[in-house]
Amino acid sequence: MAGLQFADLHSRPPEFLDLTSLTLDEFRRLVPPFEAAFQAHMARWRFDGQPRTARRYTTDQNCPLPTPEDRLLFLLAYLKNYARQVVQGRLFGMGESKATQWIHAL
């Protein structure tokens, strides 16, 4: 299931602003601290909310949000529009349960 990605949207600044309430410059400044916080969280916790005890978090090739930009875009679009999780999942190419996991992780 293909979905919305930063690579598709960064060439359309007005649409990006509508979706996130941020300019591309503002967004790009937020990516590094956001990704650092995400990686720190994922170093301690799994997607199911349980403490991480064995393997470390890695982004696999089937990940619906493969880049830090995609993860931040997903969260900002959710916060701005507060879409139902089924809608948020559909927009970003994943099922409702996977969207819920991402919302809680991010």
C-alpha atoms as a PDB file:
ATOM      1  CA  MET A   1       0.000   0.000   0.000  1.00  0.00           C
ATOM      2  CA  ALA A   2       1.726   3.198  -1.148  1.00  0.00           C
ATOM      3  CA  GLY A   3       1.101   6.381   0.749  1.00  0.00           C
ATOM      4  CA  LEU A   4       2.095   9.946   1.349  1.00  0.00           C
ATOM      5  CA  GLN A   5       5.833  10.554   1.679  1.00  0.00           C
ATOM      6  CA  PHE A   6       7.998  13.611   2.228  1.00  0.00           C
ATOM      7  CA  ALA A   7       9.755  13.011  -1.100  1.00  0.00           C
ATOM      8  CA  ASP A   8       6.425  13.464  -2.891  1.00  0.00           C
ATOM      9  CA  LEU A   9       5.432  16.582  -0.978  1.00  0.00           C
ATOM     10  CA  HIS A  10       8.590  18.665  -0.532  1.00  0.00           C
ATOM     11  CA  SER A  11       8.309  20.085  -4.059  1.00  0.00           C
ATOM     12  CA  ARG A  12       4.862  21.539  -3.233  1.00  0.00           C
ATOM     13  CA  PRO A  13       5.459  24.065  -0.387  1.00  0.00           C
ATOM     14  CA  PRO A  14       1.877  25.422  -0.200  1.00  0.00           C
ATOM     15  CA  GLU A  15       0.428  21.922   0.141  1.00  0.00           C
ATOM     16  CA  PHE A  16       3.124  21.023   2.672  1.00  0.00           C
ATOM     17  CA  LEU A  17       2.234  24.112   4.719  1.00  0.00           C
ATOM     18  CA  ASP A  18      -1.466  23.197   4.600  1.00  0.00           C
ATOM     19  CA  LEU A  19      -0.746  19.686   5.821  1.00  0.00           C
ATOM     20  CA  THR A  20       1.716  20.525   8.611  1.00  0.00           C
ATOM     21  CA  SER A  21       1.451  24.277   9.406  1.00  0.00           C
ATOM     22  CA  LEU A  22       5.228  24.481   8.885  1.00  0.00           C
ATOM     23  CA  THR A  23       7.372  25.855   6.095  1.00  0.00           C
ATOM     24  CA  LEU A  24       9.954  23.502   4.612  1.00  0.00           C
ATOM     25  CA  ASP A  25      12.744  25.399   6.424  1.00  0.00           C
ATOM     26  CA  GLU A  26      10.975  25.072   9.771  1.00  0.00           C
ATOM     27  CA  PHE A  27      10.350  21.391   9.093  1.00  0.00           C
ATOM     28  CA  ARG A  28      13.962  20.691   8.148  1.00  0.00           C
ATOM     29  CA  ARG A  29      15.178  22.329  11.372  1.00  0.00           C
ATOM     30  CA  LEU A  30      12.922  20.029  13.405  1.00  0.00           C
ATOM     31  CA  VAL A  31      14.015  16.764  11.757  1.00  0.00           C
ATOM     32  CA  PRO A  32      17.368  16.216  13.596  1.00  0.00           C
ATOM     33  CA  PRO A  33      16.088  16.751  17.176  1.00  0.00           C
ATOM     34  CA  PHE A  34      12.906  14.827  16.387  1.00  0.00           C
ATOM     35  CA  GLU A  35      14.858  11.863  15.008  1.00  0.00           C
ATOM     36  CA  ALA A  36      17.235  11.905  17.988  1.00  0.00           C
ATOM     37  CA  ALA A  37      14.273  11.773  20.373  1.00  0.00           C
ATOM     38  CA  PHE A  38      12.632   9.006  18.312  1.00  0.00           C
ATOM     39  CA  GLN A  39      15.809   6.889  18.285  1.00  0.00           C
ATOM     40  CA  ALA A  40      16.261   7.390  22.037  1.00  0.00           C
ATOM     41  CA  HIS A  41      12.669   6.276  22.629  1.00  0.00           C
ATOM     42  CA  MET A  42      13.001   3.255  20.353  1.00  0.00           C
ATOM     43  CA  ALA A  43      16.253   2.247  22.076  1.00  0.00           C
ATOM     44  CA  ARG A  44      14.197   1.696  25.239  1.00  0.00           C
ATOM     45  CA  TRP A  45      10.757   0.647  23.966  1.00  0.00           C
ATOM     46  CA  ARG A  46       9.250  -1.639  21.330  1.00  0.00           C
ATOM     47  CA  PHE A  47       6.255  -0.702  19.159  1.00  0.00           C
ATOM     48  CA  ASP A  48       3.953  -2.757  21.354  1.00  0.00           C
ATOM     49  CA  GLY A  49       4.834  -0.601  24.370  1.00  0.00           C
ATOM     50  CA  GLN A  50       6.983  -3.209  26.069  1.00  0.00           C
ATOM     51  CA  PRO A  51      10.539  -2.470  27.215  1.00  0.00           C
ATOM     52  CA  ARG A  52      13.198  -3.389  24.667  1.00  0.00           C
ATOM     53  CA  THR A  53      15.283  -6.265  26.022  1.00  0.00           C
ATOM     54  CA  ALA A  54      17.038  -7.826  23.061  1.00  0.00           C
ATOM     55  CA  ARG A  55      17.416  -6.463  19.555  1.00  0.00           C
ATOM     56  CA  ARG A  56      17.831  -2.779  18.899  1.00  0.00           C
ATOM     57  CA  TYR A  57      15.420  -0.864  16.669  1.00  0.00           C
ATOM     58  CA  THR A  58      16.251  -0.843  12.978  1.00  0.00           C
ATOM     59  CA  THR A  59      14.232   0.462  10.054  1.00  0.00           C
ATOM     60  CA  ASP A  60      13.519  -2.478   7.783  1.00  0.00           C
ATOM     61  CA  GLN A  61      12.924  -2.237   4.048  1.00  0.00           C
ATOM     62  CA  ASN A  62       9.148  -2.734   4.450  1.00  0.00           C
ATOM     63  CA  CYS A  63       8.779   0.133   6.924  1.00  0.00           C
ATOM     64  CA  PRO A  64       5.877   2.433   5.942  1.00  0.00           C
ATOM     65  CA  LEU A  65       7.814   5.433   7.345  1.00  0.00           C
ATOM     66  CA  PRO A  66      11.383   4.737   6.231  1.00  0.00           C
ATOM     67  CA  THR A  67      12.945   8.190   6.676  1.00  0.00           C
ATOM     68  CA  PRO A  68      13.073  10.644   9.589  1.00  0.00           C
ATOM     69  CA  GLU A  69      11.246  13.139   7.362  1.00  0.00           C
ATOM     70  CA  ASP A  70       8.429  10.659   6.729  1.00  0.00           C
ATOM     71  CA  ARG A  71       8.079   9.974  10.466  1.00  0.00           C
ATOM     72  CA  LEU A  72       7.893  13.676  11.338  1.00  0.00           C
ATOM     73  CA  LEU A  73       5.485  14.379   8.459  1.00  0.00           C
ATOM     74  CA  PHE A  74       3.240  11.548   9.677  1.00  0.00           C
ATOM     75  CA  LEU A  75       3.127  12.955  13.202  1.00  0.00           C
ATOM     76  CA  LEU A  76       2.632  16.593  12.184  1.00  0.00           C
ATOM     77  CA  ALA A  77      -0.145  15.696   9.749  1.00  0.00           C
ATOM     78  CA  TYR A  78      -1.837  13.701  12.501  1.00  0.00           C
ATOM     79  CA  LEU A  79      -1.519  16.506  15.066  1.00  0.00           C
ATOM     80  CA  LYS A  80      -2.698  19.211  12.677  1.00  0.00           C
ATOM     81  CA  ASN A  81      -5.637  17.312  11.232  1.00  0.00           C
ATOM     82  CA  TYR A  82      -6.297  14.829  14.028  1.00  0.00           C
ATOM     83  CA  ALA A  83      -7.560  12.314  11.525  1.00  0.00           C
ATOM     84  CA  ARG A  84      -9.065   9.068  12.666  1.00  0.00           C
ATOM     85  CA  GLN A  85      -6.357   6.462  12.767  1.00  0.00           C
ATOM     86  CA  VAL A  86      -7.860   4.527   9.893  1.00  0.00           C
ATOM     87  CA  VAL A  87      -7.648   7.679   7.744  1.00  0.00           C
ATOM     88  CA  GLN A  88      -4.114   8.449   8.897  1.00  0.00           C
ATOM     89  CA  GLY A  89      -3.063   4.909   8.063  1.00  0.00           C
ATOM     90  CA  ARG A  90      -4.654   5.098   4.631  1.00  0.00           C
ATOM     91  CA  LEU A  91      -2.926   8.405   3.859  1.00  0.00           C
ATOM     92  CA  PHE A  92       0.479   6.950   4.703  1.00  0.00           C
ATOM     93  CA  GLY A  93      -0.013   3.500   3.214  1.00  0.00           C
ATOM     94  CA  MET A  94      -0.582   1.335   6.291  1.00  0.00           C
ATOM     95  CA  GLY A  95      -3.395  -0.287   8.203  1.00  0.00           C
ATOM     96  CA  GLU A  96      -5.154   1.240  11.192  1.00  0.00           C
ATOM     97  CA  SER A  97      -3.334  -0.900  13.760  1.00  0.00           C
ATOM     98  CA  LYS A  98       0.067   0.011  12.302  1.00  0.00           C
ATOM     99  CA  ALA A  99      -0.914   3.716  12.248  1.00  0.00           C
ATOM    100  CA  THR A 100      -1.895   3.452  15.921  1.00  0.00           C
ATOM    101  CA  GLN A 101       1.495   1.929  16.749  1.00  0.00           C
ATOM    102  CA  TRP A 102       3.314   4.713  14.916  1.00  0.00           C
ATOM    103  CA  ILE A 103       1.239   7.423  16.611  1.00  0.00           C
ATOM    104  CA  HIS A 104       2.105   6.027  20.029  1.00  0.00           C
ATOM    105  CA  ALA A 105       5.792   5.551  19.152  1.00  0.00           C
ATOM    106  CA  LEU A 106       6.188   9.018  17.678  1.00  0.00           C
END
